[in-house]
Amino acid sequence: MTIDIHRYLGQSLFGYKTSPSQILRDMDKLAIEKTILVPVKPKGYKLAPECKRVAKTVAKHSDRFMGWCRVDPWQGERAVAELQIGVRELGLVGLFLHPWEENFQIDSELIDPLMIAAQKMFVPVMVVGGHVRQSTAWQIAELASRHPKVTIIATSGGQINISGAALHEAELMFDENPNVLMETSGIYREDFIEDTAKKIGSRRVLWGSGSPIYDVAFEIKRGQWAHLPEDDKANILFRNAQRIFGRKS
């Protein structure tokens, strides 16, 4: 079994486009049981309609899909209201934040009202990590330290470059913040996934493809080919997602 916690649906402002039928074909081909869909940022810049699109797709294929609620923190109280609607009315399973595309810093106090709302609703928060000055590992760590009761999933392990200070900061982020989990998309160094799973435990590592930004057929190998015990690989590929999103899986 495999669960993909990170795949985009819709026509993005940045050029790529994916449909439910394409995602389902990929899932069947690669034996992916479930996918958690992420709303794209559309040309019109409005995220609420994309969240509704995801929710409608989930409703049609509830055995295969779940969905993230994506909001723009700059919208303040409106963003909090959209998150509450997304979780309580649309049935979405968590908050998705993209500091690069929405142009904010993840450690900003701007994010605190959304984190408080996520905590009250007992939903996780996934952060697109690794962008300089917006979502570096130390910035995610700062957010996590302010909200220790919120489960935060850092995509790409909270870094993209995977070298030097960025790698060290990612290691410190995990060491000092037990509420931060690693998502694996785009991590080209196999040893980083393996070493992190061994150091912090495989229960804090989840597989996500980040497709179509990354290739899903390639990304799945990160979990399948990791030099780890089969039990640890099962945690990464599906058990952790089942535990965290169990109420919807």
Foldseek 3Di string as FASTA:
>chain_A
DFEAEAEEAAQAPVGDHDHPVRVVVVCVVVVHFAYEYEFHQHPVRDQLVSLLVQLVSCVVVLRHYAYEREFQLVVPPVRLVSNCCSCVPSVHAAYEYECVVSVAALLDCSCVVNLVSCLVVLGAYEYAAADPPHFQLVSVLNVCVVRLSHQYEYECLRHQVCDDPSVVSSVVSVVVRVSYAYERENNPDLVSLVVVCVPNNLLRAAYHHNPPVHDNVVSVCSLVVRPDPPVSSCSHGPVSVCVNRVVSD
